């Protein structure tokens, strides 16, 4: 198994790039379609942030 370079080589991984894209799309969706004061927005952002780091 390869080592992760200290320079942050993980950013080039397809899984990292895909999860970042999904996170960005989810934040955009929440901003556009859900009231910012809704707890739903916070829960969705936290859930995706957690999924991004798995």
C-alpha atoms as a PDB file:
ATOM      1  CA  UNK A   1       0.000   0.000   0.000  1.00  0.00           C
ATOM      2  CA  UNK A   2       1.348   3.429  -0.926  1.00  0.00           C
ATOM      3  CA  UNK A   3       2.207   6.104   1.560  1.00  0.00           C
ATOM      4  CA  UNK A   4       0.575   9.498   1.618  1.00  0.00           C
ATOM      5  CA  UNK A   5       3.155  12.135   0.818  1.00  0.00           C
ATOM      6  CA  UNK A   6       3.670  14.887   3.377  1.00  0.00           C
ATOM      7  CA  UNK A   7       2.872  17.407   0.651  1.00  0.00           C
ATOM      8  CA  UNK A   8      -0.827  16.432   0.671  1.00  0.00           C
ATOM      9  CA  UNK A   9      -0.818  13.973  -2.214  1.00  0.00           C
ATOM     10  CA  UNK A  10      -4.269  12.795  -1.136  1.00  0.00           C
ATOM     11  CA  UNK A  11      -5.798  15.768  -2.960  1.00  0.00           C
ATOM     12  CA  UNK A  12      -5.070  14.046  -6.257  1.00  0.00           C
ATOM     13  CA  UNK A  13      -7.082  10.945  -5.318  1.00  0.00           C
ATOM     14  CA  UNK A  14     -10.331  10.411  -7.184  1.00  0.00           C
ATOM     15  CA  UNK A  15     -12.186   9.677  -3.931  1.00  0.00           C
ATOM     16  CA  UNK A  16     -11.084  12.991  -2.395  1.00  0.00           C
ATOM     17  CA  UNK A  17     -11.991  14.931  -5.524  1.00  0.00           C
ATOM     18  CA  UNK A  18     -15.380  13.209  -5.797  1.00  0.00           C
ATOM     19  CA  UNK A  19     -16.276  13.795  -2.149  1.00  0.00           C
ATOM     20  CA  UNK A  20     -15.262  17.451  -2.471  1.00  0.00           C
ATOM     21  CA  UNK A  21     -17.473  17.826  -5.532  1.00  0.00           C
ATOM     22  CA  UNK A  22     -20.423  16.227  -3.710  1.00  0.00           C
ATOM     23  CA  UNK A  23     -19.857  18.480  -0.696  1.00  0.00           C
ATOM     24  CA  UNK A  24     -19.764  21.606  -2.850  1.00  0.00           C
ATOM     25  CA  UNK A  25     -22.930  20.566  -4.708  1.00  0.00           C
ATOM     26  CA  UNK A  26     -24.740  19.847  -1.445  1.00  0.00           C
ATOM     27  CA  UNK A  27     -23.801  23.244   0.013  1.00  0.00           C
ATOM     28  CA  UNK A  28     -24.979  24.953  -3.186  1.00  0.00           C
ATOM     29  CA  UNK A  29     -28.276  23.011  -3.048  1.00  0.00           C
ATOM     30  CA  UNK A  30     -28.862  23.979   0.582  1.00  0.00           C
ATOM     31  CA  UNK A  31     -28.129  27.643  -0.095  1.00  0.00           C
ATOM     32  CA  UNK A  32     -30.468  27.710  -3.080  1.00  0.00           C
ATOM     33  CA  UNK A  33     -33.429  25.617  -1.902  1.00  0.00           C
ATOM     34  CA  UNK A  34     -33.460  25.440   1.907  1.00  0.00           C
ATOM     35  CA  UNK A  35     -33.959  28.272   4.379  1.00  0.00           C
ATOM     36  CA  UNK A  36     -30.574  29.038   5.996  1.00  0.00           C
ATOM     37  CA  UNK A  37     -32.200  29.197   9.427  1.00  0.00           C
ATOM     38  CA  UNK A  38     -33.363  25.616   9.054  1.00  0.00           C
ATOM     39  CA  UNK A  39     -31.571  23.014  11.154  1.00  0.00           C
ATOM     40  CA  UNK A  40     -31.696  20.790   8.070  1.00  0.00           C
ATOM     41  CA  UNK A  41     -28.938  22.797   6.384  1.00  0.00           C
ATOM     42  CA  UNK A  42     -26.609  22.436   9.352  1.00  0.00           C
ATOM     43  CA  UNK A  43     -27.316  18.702   9.619  1.00  0.00           C
ATOM     44  CA  UNK A  44     -26.692  18.118   5.916  1.00  0.00           C
ATOM     45  CA  UNK A  45     -23.425  20.057   5.941  1.00  0.00           C
ATOM     46  CA  UNK A  46     -22.211  18.217   9.036  1.00  0.00           C
ATOM     47  CA  UNK A  47     -23.173  14.838   7.580  1.00  0.00           C
ATOM     48  CA  UNK A  48     -21.353  15.493   4.316  1.00  0.00           C
ATOM     49  CA  UNK A  49     -18.318  16.858   6.138  1.00  0.00           C
ATOM     50  CA  UNK A  50     -18.215  13.617   8.142  1.00  0.00           C
ATOM     51  CA  UNK A  51     -18.592  11.501   5.006  1.00  0.00           C
ATOM     52  CA  UNK A  52     -15.804  13.447   3.315  1.00  0.00           C
ATOM     53  CA  UNK A  53     -13.354  12.450   6.033  1.00  0.00           C
ATOM     54  CA  UNK A  54     -14.128   8.722   6.009  1.00  0.00           C
END
